[in-house]
PDB file of N, CA and C in Angstrom:
ATOM      1  N   MET A   1     208.607 140.941  15.639  1.00  0.00           N
ATOM      2  CA  MET A   1     208.875 141.857  14.559  1.00  0.00           C
ATOM      3  C   MET A   1     210.229 141.604  13.900  1.00  0.00           C
ATOM      4  N   ASP A   2     210.886 140.541  14.237  1.00  0.00           N
ATOM      5  CA  ASP A   2     212.194 140.269  13.669  1.00  0.00           C
ATOM      6  C   ASP A   2     212.111 139.788  12.228  1.00  0.00           C
ATOM      7  N   ARG A   3     210.917 139.567  11.710  1.00  0.00           N
ATOM      8  CA  ARG A   3     210.763 139.075  10.347  1.00  0.00           C
ATOM      9  C   ARG A   3     210.562 140.196   9.330  1.00  0.00           C
ATOM     10  N   LEU A   4     210.501 141.431   9.791  1.00  0.00           N
ATOM     11  CA  LEU A   4     210.322 142.545   8.867  1.00  0.00           C
ATOM     12  C   LEU A   4     211.597 142.782   8.069  1.00  0.00           C
ATOM     13  N   THR A   5     211.416 143.079   6.804  1.00  0.00           N
ATOM     14  CA  THR A   5     212.561 143.372   5.944  1.00  0.00           C
ATOM     15  C   THR A   5     212.905 144.852   6.075  1.00  0.00           C
ATOM     16  N   PRO A   6     214.135 145.168   6.458  1.00  0.00           N
ATOM     17  CA  PRO A   6     214.484 146.587   6.610  1.00  0.00           C
ATOM     18  C   PRO A   6     214.661 147.266   5.251  1.00  0.00           C
ATOM     19  N   ILE A   7     214.531 148.576   5.280  1.00  0.00           N
ATOM     20  CA  ILE A   7     214.794 149.362   4.073  1.00  0.00           C
ATOM     21  C   ILE A   7     216.301 149.395   3.855  1.00  0.00           C
ATOM     22  N   ARG A   8     216.713 149.081   2.648  1.00  0.00           N
ATOM     23  CA  ARG A   8     218.138 149.167   2.304  1.00  0.00           C
ATOM     24  C   ARG A   8     218.394 150.599   1.842  1.00  0.00           C
ATOM     25  N   CYS A   9     219.191 151.316   2.628  1.00  0.00           N
ATOM     26  CA  CYS A   9     219.349 152.768   2.440  1.00  0.00           C
ATOM     27  C   CYS A   9     219.942 153.157   1.090  1.00  0.00           C
ATOM     28  N   TRP A  10     221.070 152.570   0.710  1.00  0.00           N
ATOM     29  CA  TRP A  10     221.726 152.999  -0.530  1.00  0.00           C
ATOM     30  C   TRP A  10     220.887 152.728  -1.770  1.00  0.00           C
ATOM     31  N   PRO A  11     220.289 151.543  -1.918  1.00  0.00           N
ATOM     32  CA  PRO A  11     219.414 151.367  -3.088  1.00  0.00           C
ATOM     33  C   PRO A  11     218.227 152.329  -3.090  1.00  0.00           C
ATOM     34  N   ALA A  12     217.678 152.629  -1.906  1.00  0.00           N
ATOM     35  CA  ALA A  12     216.561 153.572  -1.835  1.00  0.00           C
ATOM     36  C   ALA A  12     217.009 154.975  -2.235  1.00  0.00           C
ATOM     37  N   ILE A  13     218.173 155.386  -1.757  1.00  0.00           N
ATOM     38  CA  ILE A  13     218.692 156.716  -2.095  1.00  0.00           C
ATOM     39  C   ILE A  13     218.976 156.818  -3.592  1.00  0.00           C
ATOM     40  N   ILE A  14     219.562 155.777  -4.155  1.00  0.00           N
ATOM     41  CA  ILE A  14     219.859 155.780  -5.594  1.00  0.00           C
ATOM     42  C   ILE A  14     218.571 155.868  -6.409  1.00  0.00           C
ATOM     43  N   SER A  15     217.534 155.142  -6.002  1.00  0.00           N
ATOM     44  CA  SER A  15     216.246 155.191  -6.711  1.00  0.00           C
ATOM     45  C   SER A  15     215.625 156.579  -6.631  1.00  0.00           C
ATOM     46  N   ILE A  16     215.719 157.199  -5.472  1.00  0.00           N
ATOM     47  CA  ILE A  16     215.177 158.550  -5.304  1.00  0.00           C
ATOM     48  C   ILE A  16     215.957 159.550  -6.156  1.00  0.00           C
ATOM     49  N   VAL A  17     217.275 159.412  -6.191  1.00  0.00           N
ATOM     50  CA  VAL A  17     218.108 160.312  -7.004  1.00  0.00           C
ATOM     51  C   VAL A  17     217.775 160.152  -8.485  1.00  0.00           C
ATOM     52  N   ILE A  18     217.577 158.915  -8.935  1.00  0.00           N
ATOM     53  CA  ILE A  18     217.202 158.679 -10.336  1.00  0.00           C
ATOM     54  C   ILE A  18     215.880 159.368 -10.652  1.00  0.00           C
ATOM     55  N   THR A  19     214.897 159.200  -9.765  1.00  0.00           N
ATOM     56  CA  THR A  19     213.583 159.808  -9.975  1.00  0.00           C
ATOM     57  C   THR A  19     213.681 161.331 -10.025  1.00  0.00           C
ATOM     58  N   LEU A  20     214.368 161.913  -9.054  1.00  0.00           N
ATOM     59  CA  LEU A  20     214.470 163.374  -9.006  1.00  0.00           C
ATOM     60  C   LEU A  20     215.290 163.935 -10.161  1.00  0.00           C
ATOM     61  N   THR A  21     216.284 163.184 -10.621  1.00  0.00           N
ATOM     62  CA  THR A  21     217.083 163.629 -11.766  1.00  0.00           C
ATOM     63  C   THR A  21     216.229 163.698 -13.024  1.00  0.00           C
ATOM     64  N   ILE A  22     215.447 162.663 -13.256  1.00  0.00           N
ATOM     65  CA  ILE A  22     214.572 162.670 -14.439  1.00  0.00           C
ATOM     66  C   ILE A  22     213.512 163.755 -14.299  1.00  0.00           C
ATOM     67  N   TRP A  23     212.955 163.911 -13.104  1.00  0.00           N
ATOM     68  CA  TRP A  23     211.867 164.863 -12.868  1.00  0.00           C
ATOM     69  C   TRP A  23     212.328 166.308 -13.043  1.00  0.00           C
ATOM     70  N   PHE A  24     213.486 166.662 -12.417  1.00  0.00           N
ATOM     71  CA  PHE A  24     213.886 168.068 -12.350  1.00  0.00           C
ATOM     72  C   PHE A  24     215.063 168.452 -13.245  1.00  0.00           C
ATOM     73  N   VAL A  25     215.982 167.529 -13.515  1.00  0.00           N
ATOM     74  CA  VAL A  25     217.220 167.898 -14.209  1.00  0.00           C
ATOM     75  C   VAL A  25     217.126 167.673 -15.709  1.00  0.00           C
ATOM     76  N   ILE A  26     216.695 166.492 -16.114  1.00  0.00           N
ATOM     77  CA  ILE A  26     216.621 166.179 -17.541  1.00  0.00           C
ATOM     78  C   ILE A  26     215.425 166.916 -18.140  1.00  0.00           C
ATOM     79  N   PRO A  27     215.634 167.710 -19.182  1.00  0.00           N
ATOM     80  CA  PRO A  27     214.519 168.473 -19.750  1.00  0.00           C
ATOM     81  C   PRO A  27     213.500 167.566 -20.442  1.00  0.00           C
ATOM     82  N   CYS A  28     212.274 167.997 -20.370  1.00  0.00           N
ATOM     83  CA  CYS A  28     211.175 167.259 -20.993  1.00  0.00           C
ATOM     84  C   CYS A  28     211.281 167.388 -22.512  1.00  0.00           C
ATOM     85  N   PRO A  29     211.208 166.270 -23.257  1.00  0.00           N
ATOM     86  CA  PRO A  29     211.244 166.354 -24.722  1.00  0.00           C
ATOM     87  C   PRO A  29     210.079 167.183 -25.264  1.00  0.00           C
ATOM     88  N   ALA A  30     210.247 167.675 -26.461  1.00  0.00           N
ATOM     89  CA  ALA A  30     209.273 168.605 -27.048  1.00  0.00           C
ATOM     90  C   ALA A  30     207.889 167.991 -27.226  1.00  0.00           C
ATOM     91  N   ASN A  31     207.809 166.726 -27.600  1.00  0.00           N
ATOM     92  CA  ASN A  31     206.515 166.112 -27.896  1.00  0.00           C
ATOM     93  C   ASN A  31     205.883 165.419 -26.693  1.00  0.00           C
ATOM     94  N   VAL A  32     206.437 165.613 -25.508  1.00  0.00           N
ATOM     95  CA  VAL A  32     205.942 164.942 -24.305  1.00  0.00           C
ATOM     96  C   VAL A  32     205.421 165.997 -23.334  1.00  0.00           C
ATOM     97  N   THR A  33     204.251 165.747 -22.760  1.00  0.00           N
ATOM     98  CA  THR A  33     203.706 166.683 -21.771  1.00  0.00           C
ATOM     99  C   THR A  33     204.504 166.575 -20.469  1.00  0.00           C
ATOM    100  N   PRO A  34     204.548 167.641 -19.689  1.00  0.00           N
ATOM    101  CA  PRO A  34     205.269 167.581 -18.412  1.00  0.00           C
ATOM    102  C   PRO A  34     204.720 166.507 -17.467  1.00  0.00           C
ATOM    103  N   GLN A  35     203.406 166.300 -17.482  1.00  0.00           N
ATOM    104  CA  GLN A  35     202.816 165.277 -16.619  1.00  0.00           C
ATOM    105  C   GLN A  35     203.279 163.883 -17.027  1.00  0.00           C
ATOM    106  N   ALA A  36     203.357 163.624 -18.319  1.00  0.00           N
ATOM    107  CA  ALA A  36     203.831 162.320 -18.792  1.00  0.00           C
ATOM    108  C   ALA A  36     205.295 162.119 -18.418  1.00  0.00           C
ATOM    109  N   TRP A  37     206.090 163.182 -18.504  1.00  0.00           N
ATOM    110  CA  TRP A  37     207.510 163.092 -18.141  1.00  0.00           C
ATOM    111  C   TRP A  37     207.666 162.803 -16.646  1.00  0.00           C
ATOM    112  N   GLN A  38     206.851 163.445 -15.828  1.00  0.00           N
ATOM    113  CA  GLN A  38     206.907 163.212 -14.384  1.00  0.00           C
ATOM    114  C   GLN A  38     206.445 161.800 -14.039  1.00  0.00           C
ATOM    115  N   LEU A  39     205.431 161.313 -14.729  1.00  0.00           N
ATOM    116  CA  LEU A  39     204.973 159.940 -14.503  1.00  0.00           C
ATOM    117  C   LEU A  39     206.047 158.943 -14.923  1.00  0.00           C
ATOM    118  N   LEU A  40     206.756 159.239 -16.010  1.00  0.00           N
ATOM    119  CA  LEU A  40     207.875 158.391 -16.425  1.00  0.00           C
ATOM    120  C   LEU A  40     208.973 158.383 -15.361  1.00  0.00           C
ATOM    121  N   ALA A  41     209.245 159.533 -14.761  1.00  0.00           N
ATOM    122  CA  ALA A  41     210.252 159.606 -13.696  1.00  0.00           C
ATOM    123  C   ALA A  41     209.854 158.722 -12.518  1.00  0.00           C
ATOM    124  N   LEU A  42     208.578 158.777 -12.129  1.00  0.00           N
ATOM    125  CA  LEU A  42     208.108 157.916 -11.033  1.00  0.00           C
ATOM    126  C   LEU A  42     208.202 156.443 -11.411  1.00  0.00           C
ATOM    127  N   PHE A  43     207.864 156.128 -12.645  1.00  0.00           N
ATOM    128  CA  PHE A  43     207.914 154.737 -13.109  1.00  0.00           C
ATOM    129  C   PHE A  43     209.345 154.205 -13.102  1.00  0.00           C
ATOM    130  N   ILE A  44     210.276 154.972 -13.648  1.00  0.00           N
ATOM    131  CA  ILE A  44     211.672 154.525 -13.698  1.00  0.00           C
ATOM    132  C   ILE A  44     212.248 154.413 -12.285  1.00  0.00           C
ATOM    133  N   GLY A  45     211.899 155.346 -11.412  1.00  0.00           N
ATOM    134  CA  GLY A  45     212.345 155.255 -10.025  1.00  0.00           C
ATOM    135  C   GLY A  45     211.801 154.027  -9.321  1.00  0.00           C
ATOM    136  N   THR A  46     210.552 153.679  -9.614  1.00  0.00           N
ATOM    137  CA  THR A  46     209.949 152.477  -9.035  1.00  0.00           C
ATOM    138  C   THR A  46     210.654 151.229  -9.541  1.00  0.00           C
ATOM    139  N   ILE A  47     210.907 151.162 -10.830  1.00  0.00           N
ATOM    140  CA  ILE A  47     211.611 150.008 -11.397  1.00  0.00           C
ATOM    141  C   ILE A  47     213.018 149.906 -10.824  1.00  0.00           C
ATOM    142  N   ALA A  48     213.696 151.046 -10.662  1.00  0.00           N
ATOM    143  CA  ALA A  48     215.045 151.034 -10.073  1.00  0.00           C
ATOM    144  C   ALA A  48     215.005 150.517  -8.639  1.00  0.00           C
ATOM    145  N   ALA A  49     213.993 150.912  -7.877  1.00  0.00           N
ATOM    146  CA  ALA A  49     213.863 150.436  -6.495  1.00  0.00           C
ATOM    147  C   ALA A  49     213.572 148.942  -6.445  1.00  0.00           C
ATOM    148  N   ILE A  50     212.771 148.454  -7.398  1.00  0.00           N
ATOM    149  CA  ILE A  50     212.474 147.018  -7.447  1.00  0.00           C
ATOM    150  C   ILE A  50     213.725 146.234  -7.806  1.00  0.00           C
ATOM    151  N   ILE A  51     214.463 146.690  -8.812  1.00  0.00           N
ATOM    152  CA  ILE A  51     215.681 145.991  -9.237  1.00  0.00           C
ATOM    153  C   ILE A  51     216.724 145.997  -8.123  1.00  0.00           C
ATOM    154  N   ALA A  52     216.874 147.137  -7.442  1.00  0.00           N
ATOM    155  CA  ALA A  52     217.877 147.255  -6.379  1.00  0.00           C
ATOM    156  C   ALA A  52     217.411 146.628  -5.066  1.00  0.00           C
ATOM    157  N   LYS A  53     216.143 146.220  -5.013  1.00  0.00           N
ATOM    158  CA  LYS A  53     215.556 145.618  -3.810  1.00  0.00           C
ATOM    159  C   LYS A  53     215.690 146.543  -2.604  1.00  0.00           C
ATOM    160  N   ALA A  54     215.297 147.805  -2.798  1.00  0.00           N
ATOM    161  CA  ALA A  54     215.351 148.785  -1.718  1.00  0.00           C
ATOM    162  C   ALA A  54     214.407 148.406  -0.584  1.00  0.00           C
ATOM    163  N   MET A  55     213.259 147.841  -0.932  1.00  0.00           N
ATOM    164  CA  MET A  55     212.247 147.366   0.016  1.00  0.00           C
ATOM    165  C   MET A  55     211.580 146.166  -0.638  1.00  0.00           C
ATOM    166  N   PRO A  56     210.722 145.468   0.100  1.00  0.00           N
ATOM    167  CA  PRO A  56     209.938 144.419  -0.554  1.00  0.00           C
ATOM    168  C   PRO A  56     209.068 145.017  -1.663  1.00  0.00           C
ATOM    169  N   ILE A  57     208.787 144.221  -2.672  1.00  0.00           N
ATOM    170  CA  ILE A  57     208.089 144.731  -3.856  1.00  0.00           C
ATOM    171  C   ILE A  57     206.700 145.275  -3.518  1.00  0.00           C
ATOM    172  N   GLY A  58     206.027 144.685  -2.552  1.00  0.00           N
ATOM    173  CA  GLY A  58     204.715 145.191  -2.148  1.00  0.00           C
ATOM    174  C   GLY A  58     204.799 146.589  -1.566  1.00  0.00           C
ATOM    175  N   ALA A  59     205.811 146.825  -0.756  1.00  0.00           N
ATOM    176  CA  ALA A  59     205.997 148.149  -0.160  1.00  0.00           C
ATOM    177  C   ALA A  59     206.345 149.179  -1.230  1.00  0.00           C
ATOM    178  N   ILE A  60     207.167 148.779  -2.179  1.00  0.00           N
ATOM    179  CA  ILE A  60     207.529 149.693  -3.270  1.00  0.00           C
ATOM    180  C   ILE A  60     206.286 150.044  -4.084  1.00  0.00           C
ATOM    181  N   ALA A  61     205.438 149.064  -4.342  1.00  0.00           N
ATOM    182  CA  ALA A  61     204.217 149.316  -5.110  1.00  0.00           C
ATOM    183  C   ALA A  61     203.290 150.279  -4.374  1.00  0.00           C
ATOM    184  N   ILE A  62     203.155 150.099  -3.066  1.00  0.00           N
ATOM    185  CA  ILE A  62     202.295 150.993  -2.284  1.00  0.00           C
ATOM    186  C   ILE A  62     202.853 152.414  -2.294  1.00  0.00           C
ATOM    187  N   VAL A  63     204.164 152.549  -2.144  1.00  0.00           N
ATOM    188  CA  VAL A  63     204.791 153.876  -2.181  1.00  0.00           C
ATOM    189  C   VAL A  63     204.594 154.517  -3.556  1.00  0.00           C
ATOM    190  N   ALA A  64     204.730 153.733  -4.623  1.00  0.00           N
ATOM    191  CA  ALA A  64     204.551 154.275  -5.974  1.00  0.00           C
ATOM    192  C   ALA A  64     203.117 154.753  -6.193  1.00  0.00           C
ATOM    193  N   ILE A  65     202.142 153.972  -5.751  1.00  0.00           N
ATOM    194  CA  ILE A  65     200.738 154.378  -5.878  1.00  0.00           C
ATOM    195  C   ILE A  65     200.487 155.652  -5.085  1.00  0.00           C
ATOM    196  N   MET A  66     201.060 155.713  -3.877  1.00  0.00           N
ATOM    197  CA  MET A  66     200.899 156.895  -3.037  1.00  0.00           C
ATOM    198  C   MET A  66     201.517 158.131  -3.703  1.00  0.00           C
ATOM    199  N   LEU A  67     202.696 157.966  -4.312  1.00  0.00           N
ATOM    200  CA  LEU A  67     203.354 159.103  -4.964  1.00  0.00           C
ATOM    201  C   LEU A  67     202.569 159.599  -6.177  1.00  0.00           C
ATOM    202  N   VAL A  68     201.990 158.679  -6.942  1.00  0.00           N
ATOM    203  CA  VAL A  68     201.162 159.096  -8.086  1.00  0.00           C
ATOM    204  C   VAL A  68     199.960 159.893  -7.589  1.00  0.00           C
ATOM    205  N   ALA A  69     199.345 159.435  -6.503  1.00  0.00           N
ATOM    206  CA  ALA A  69     198.182 160.140  -5.967  1.00  0.00           C
ATOM    207  C   ALA A  69     198.575 161.487  -5.355  1.00  0.00           C
ATOM    208  N   MET A  70     199.690 161.519  -4.609  1.00  0.00           N
ATOM    209  CA  MET A  70     200.085 162.751  -3.911  1.00  0.00           C
ATOM    210  C   MET A  70     200.623 163.827  -4.849  1.00  0.00           C
ATOM    211  N   THR A  71     201.378 163.418  -5.869  1.00  0.00           N
ATOM    212  CA  THR A  71     201.940 164.415  -6.783  1.00  0.00           C
ATOM    213  C   THR A  71     200.908 164.922  -7.779  1.00  0.00           C
ATOM    214  N   GLY A  72     199.873 164.142  -8.025  1.00  0.00           N
ATOM    215  CA  GLY A  72     198.831 164.568  -8.948  1.00  0.00           C
ATOM    216  C   GLY A  72     199.286 164.639 -10.391  1.00  0.00           C
ATOM    217  N   VAL A  73     200.236 163.795 -10.787  1.00  0.00           N
ATOM    218  CA  VAL A  73     200.763 163.873 -12.151  1.00  0.00           C
ATOM    219  C   VAL A  73     199.720 163.503 -13.198  1.00  0.00           C
ATOM    220  N   THR A  74     198.723 162.740 -12.836  1.00  0.00           N
ATOM    221  CA  THR A  74     197.723 162.350 -13.828  1.00  0.00           C
ATOM    222  C   THR A  74     196.658 163.423 -14.023  1.00  0.00           C
ATOM    223  N   HIS A  75     196.337 164.163 -12.972  1.00  0.00           N
ATOM    224  CA  HIS A  75     195.366 165.259 -13.042  1.00  0.00           C
ATOM    225  C   HIS A  75     195.853 166.407 -12.155  1.00  0.00           C
ATOM    226  N   PRO A  76     196.691 167.291 -12.683  1.00  0.00           N
ATOM    227  CA  PRO A  76     197.188 168.401 -11.851  1.00  0.00           C
ATOM    228  C   PRO A  76     196.046 169.288 -11.354  1.00  0.00           C
ATOM    229  N   GLY A  77     196.060 169.578 -10.063  1.00  0.00           N
ATOM    230  CA  GLY A  77     195.041 170.444  -9.485  1.00  0.00           C
ATOM    231  C   GLY A  77     193.758 169.742  -9.102  1.00  0.00           C
ATOM    232  N   LYS A  78     193.652 168.458  -9.378  1.00  0.00           N
ATOM    233  CA  LYS A  78     192.450 167.699  -9.031  1.00  0.00           C
ATOM    234  C   LYS A  78     192.864 166.474  -8.211  1.00  0.00           C
ATOM    235  N   PRO A  79     193.009 166.620  -6.892  1.00  0.00           N
ATOM    236  CA  PRO A  79     193.510 165.510  -6.076  1.00  0.00           C
ATOM    237  C   PRO A  79     192.610 164.277  -6.098  1.00  0.00           C
ATOM    238  N   SER A  80     191.296 164.464  -6.148  1.00  0.00           N
ATOM    239  CA  SER A  80     190.410 163.296  -6.141  1.00  0.00           C
ATOM    240  C   SER A  80     190.528 162.506  -7.442  1.00  0.00           C
ATOM    241  N   ALA A  81     190.701 163.197  -8.560  1.00  0.00           N
ATOM    242  CA  ALA A  81     190.871 162.502  -9.839  1.00  0.00           C
ATOM    243  C   ALA A  81     192.213 161.787  -9.893  1.00  0.00           C
ATOM    244  N   ALA A  82     193.253 162.394  -9.314  1.00  0.00           N
ATOM    245  CA  ALA A  82     194.568 161.748  -9.279  1.00  0.00           C
ATOM    246  C   ALA A  82     194.524 160.494  -8.413  1.00  0.00           C
ATOM    247  N   LEU A  83     193.837 160.569  -7.284  1.00  0.00           N
ATOM    248  CA  LEU A  83     193.690 159.393  -6.420  1.00  0.00           C
ATOM    249  C   LEU A  83     192.890 158.309  -7.126  1.00  0.00           C
ATOM    250  N   ASN A  84     191.855 158.703  -7.853  1.00  0.00           N
ATOM    251  CA  ASN A  84     191.059 157.743  -8.616  1.00  0.00           C
ATOM    252  C   ASN A  84     191.914 157.045  -9.669  1.00  0.00           C
ATOM    253  N   ASP A  85     192.774 157.791 -10.354  1.00  0.00           N
ATOM    254  CA  ASP A  85     193.671 157.196 -11.349  1.00  0.00           C
ATOM    255  C   ASP A  85     194.651 156.225 -10.704  1.00  0.00           C
ATOM    256  N   ALA A  86     195.186 156.612  -9.550  1.00  0.00           N
ATOM    257  CA  ALA A  86     196.179 155.770  -8.883  1.00  0.00           C
ATOM    258  C   ALA A  86     195.576 154.449  -8.421  1.00  0.00           C
ATOM    259  N   LEU A  87     194.316 154.466  -8.035  1.00  0.00           N
ATOM    260  CA  LEU A  87     193.681 153.257  -7.499  1.00  0.00           C
ATOM    261  C   LEU A  87     192.800 152.529  -8.508  1.00  0.00           C
ATOM    262  N   SER A  88     192.686 153.035  -9.720  1.00  0.00           N
ATOM    263  CA  SER A  88     191.755 152.452 -10.692  1.00  0.00           C
ATOM    264  C   SER A  88     192.130 151.037 -11.109  1.00  0.00           C
ATOM    265  N   GLY A  89     193.399 150.685 -11.052  1.00  0.00           N
ATOM    266  CA  GLY A  89     193.817 149.333 -11.438  1.00  0.00           C
ATOM    267  C   GLY A  89     193.251 148.253 -10.540  1.00  0.00           C
ATOM    268  N   PHE A  90     192.911 148.608  -9.311  1.00  0.00           N
ATOM    269  CA  PHE A  90     192.384 147.614  -8.383  1.00  0.00           C
ATOM    270  C   PHE A  90     190.931 147.253  -8.672  1.00  0.00           C
ATOM    271  N   SER A  91     190.276 147.964  -9.580  1.00  0.00           N
ATOM    272  CA  SER A  91     188.899 147.622  -9.932  1.00  0.00           C
ATOM    273  C   SER A  91     188.837 146.534 -11.002  1.00  0.00           C
ATOM    274  N   ASN A  92     189.985 146.175 -11.561  1.00  0.00           N
ATOM    275  CA  ASN A  92     190.046 145.141 -12.589  1.00  0.00           C
ATOM    276  C   ASN A  92     190.047 143.761 -11.933  1.00  0.00           C
ATOM    277  N   GLN A  93     189.125 142.894 -12.341  1.00  0.00           N
ATOM    278  CA  GLN A  93     189.014 141.560 -11.747  1.00  0.00           C
ATOM    279  C   GLN A  93     190.228 140.693 -12.051  1.00  0.00           C
ATOM    280  N   LEU A  94     190.871 140.911 -13.178  1.00  0.00           N
ATOM    281  CA  LEU A  94     192.034 140.106 -13.542  1.00  0.00           C
ATOM    282  C   LEU A  94     193.193 140.325 -12.567  1.00  0.00           C
ATOM    283  N   ILE A  95     193.366 141.543 -12.106  1.00  0.00           N
ATOM    284  CA  ILE A  95     194.414 141.840 -11.122  1.00  0.00           C
ATOM    285  C   ILE A  95     194.173 141.044  -9.849  1.00  0.00           C
ATOM    286  N   TRP A  96     192.937 141.004  -9.390  1.00  0.00           N
ATOM    287  CA  TRP A  96     192.613 140.253  -8.175  1.00  0.00           C
ATOM    288  C   TRP A  96     192.791 138.760  -8.392  1.00  0.00           C
ATOM    289  N   LEU A  97     192.450 138.260  -9.567  1.00  0.00           N
ATOM    290  CA  LEU A  97     192.633 136.837  -9.864  1.00  0.00           C
ATOM    291  C   LEU A  97     194.109 136.462  -9.818  1.00  0.00           C
ATOM    292  N   ILE A  98     194.955 137.273 -10.415  1.00  0.00           N
ATOM    293  CA  ILE A  98     196.393 136.996 -10.410  1.00  0.00           C
ATOM    294  C   ILE A  98     196.942 137.056  -8.989  1.00  0.00           C
ATOM    295  N   GLY A  99     196.574 138.085  -8.247  1.00  0.00           N
ATOM    296  CA  GLY A  99     197.059 138.223  -6.869  1.00  0.00           C
ATOM    297  C   GLY A  99     196.631 137.071  -5.984  1.00  0.00           C
ATOM    298  N   LEU A 100     195.369 136.691  -6.065  1.00  0.00           N
ATOM    299  CA  LEU A 100     194.883 135.576  -5.247  1.00  0.00           C
ATOM    300  C   LEU A 100     195.500 134.253  -5.678  1.00  0.00           C
ATOM    301  N   SER A 101     195.755 134.086  -6.963  1.00  0.00           N
ATOM    302  CA  SER A 101     196.418 132.862  -7.435  1.00  0.00           C
ATOM    303  C   SER A 101     197.829 132.749  -6.876  1.00  0.00           C
ATOM    304  N   ILE A 102     198.539 133.855  -6.850  1.00  0.00           N
ATOM    305  CA  ILE A 102     199.895 133.849  -6.290  1.00  0.00           C
ATOM    306  C   ILE A 102     199.849 133.533  -4.801  1.00  0.00           C
ATOM    307  N   MET A 103     198.919 134.145  -4.072  1.00  0.00           N
ATOM    308  CA  MET A 103     198.820 133.872  -2.634  1.00  0.00           C
ATOM    309  C   MET A 103     198.441 132.422  -2.360  1.00  0.00           C
ATOM    310  N   LEU A 104     197.522 131.879  -3.155  1.00  0.00           N
ATOM    311  CA  LEU A 104     197.117 130.486  -2.979  1.00  0.00           C
ATOM    312  C   LEU A 104     198.271 129.542  -3.270  1.00  0.00           C
ATOM    313  N   SER A 105     199.024 129.805  -4.324  1.00  0.00           N
ATOM    314  CA  SER A 105     200.154 128.929  -4.648  1.00  0.00           C
ATOM    315  C   SER A 105     201.230 128.999  -3.571  1.00  0.00           C
ATOM    316  N   GLN A 106     201.484 130.178  -3.025  1.00  0.00           N
ATOM    317  CA  GLN A 106     202.469 130.302  -1.948  1.00  0.00           C
ATOM    318  C   GLN A 106     202.012 129.568  -0.696  1.00  0.00           C
ATOM    319  N   SER A 107     200.730 129.638  -0.393  1.00  0.00           N
ATOM    320  CA  SER A 107     200.238 128.929   0.793  1.00  0.00           C
ATOM    321  C   SER A 107     200.309 127.420   0.600  1.00  0.00           C
ATOM    322  N   LEU A 108     200.048 126.936  -0.607  1.00  0.00           N
ATOM    323  CA  LEU A 108     200.172 125.500  -0.870  1.00  0.00           C
ATOM    324  C   LEU A 108     201.620 125.041  -0.751  1.00  0.00           C
ATOM    325  N   LEU A 109     202.552 125.859  -1.211  1.00  0.00           N
ATOM    326  CA  LEU A 109     203.968 125.504  -1.100  1.00  0.00           C
ATOM    327  C   LEU A 109     204.436 125.509   0.352  1.00  0.00           C
ATOM    328  N   LYS A 110     204.025 126.502   1.129  1.00  0.00           N
ATOM    329  CA  LYS A 110     204.472 126.603   2.520  1.00  0.00           C
ATOM    330  C   LYS A 110     203.894 125.499   3.396  1.00  0.00           C
ATOM    331  N   THR A 111     202.669 125.080   3.125  1.00  0.00           N
ATOM    332  CA  THR A 111     202.062 124.032   3.948  1.00  0.00           C
ATOM    333  C   THR A 111     202.468 122.640   3.507  1.00  0.00           C
ATOM    334  N   GLY A 112     203.076 122.523   2.339  1.00  0.00           N
ATOM    335  CA  GLY A 112     203.491 121.213   1.849  1.00  0.00           C
ATOM    336  C   GLY A 112     202.419 120.493   1.053  1.00  0.00           C
ATOM    337  N   LEU A 113     201.272 121.100   0.863  1.00  0.00           N
ATOM    338  CA  LEU A 113     200.193 120.464   0.106  1.00  0.00           C
ATOM    339  C   LEU A 113     200.492 120.407  -1.388  1.00  0.00           C
ATOM    340  N   ALA A 114     201.468 121.163  -1.853  1.00  0.00           N
ATOM    341  CA  ALA A 114     201.801 121.183  -3.276  1.00  0.00           C
ATOM    342  C   ALA A 114     202.743 120.055  -3.666  1.00  0.00           C
ATOM    343  N   ARG A 115     203.295 119.351  -2.671  1.00  0.00           N
ATOM    344  CA  ARG A 115     204.209 118.246  -2.993  1.00  0.00           C
ATOM    345  C   ARG A 115     203.429 117.081  -3.575  1.00  0.00           C
ATOM    346  N   VAL A 116     203.980 116.504  -4.601  1.00  0.00           N
ATOM    347  CA  VAL A 116     203.314 115.375  -5.260  1.00  0.00           C
ATOM    348  C   VAL A 116     203.932 114.074  -4.810  1.00  0.00           C
TER     349      VAL A 116
END
């Protein structure tokens, strides 16, 4: 287990503070729904965590998907619809093609088969 990347505390705390500040402190603009404002807060917090490298990007993505599903920002009061929204991107074949292409290229590089 020595290969696991630890959570970097300060970048994670800063990302959480940014998210909570946008969510609770900064008032929602007049032409924006509260749900859209909350989703923007989650998005900006996720981007801040990625930039600060609080965790590996895969872990940050999983946490972001989980937060969208748990908070229900896409469908307040309907947990199953919020979960469906959070996971709907995985039904797109293009996402799987890109992900598998990245994994295949990394495996070719690590095994040395990509050397010409």
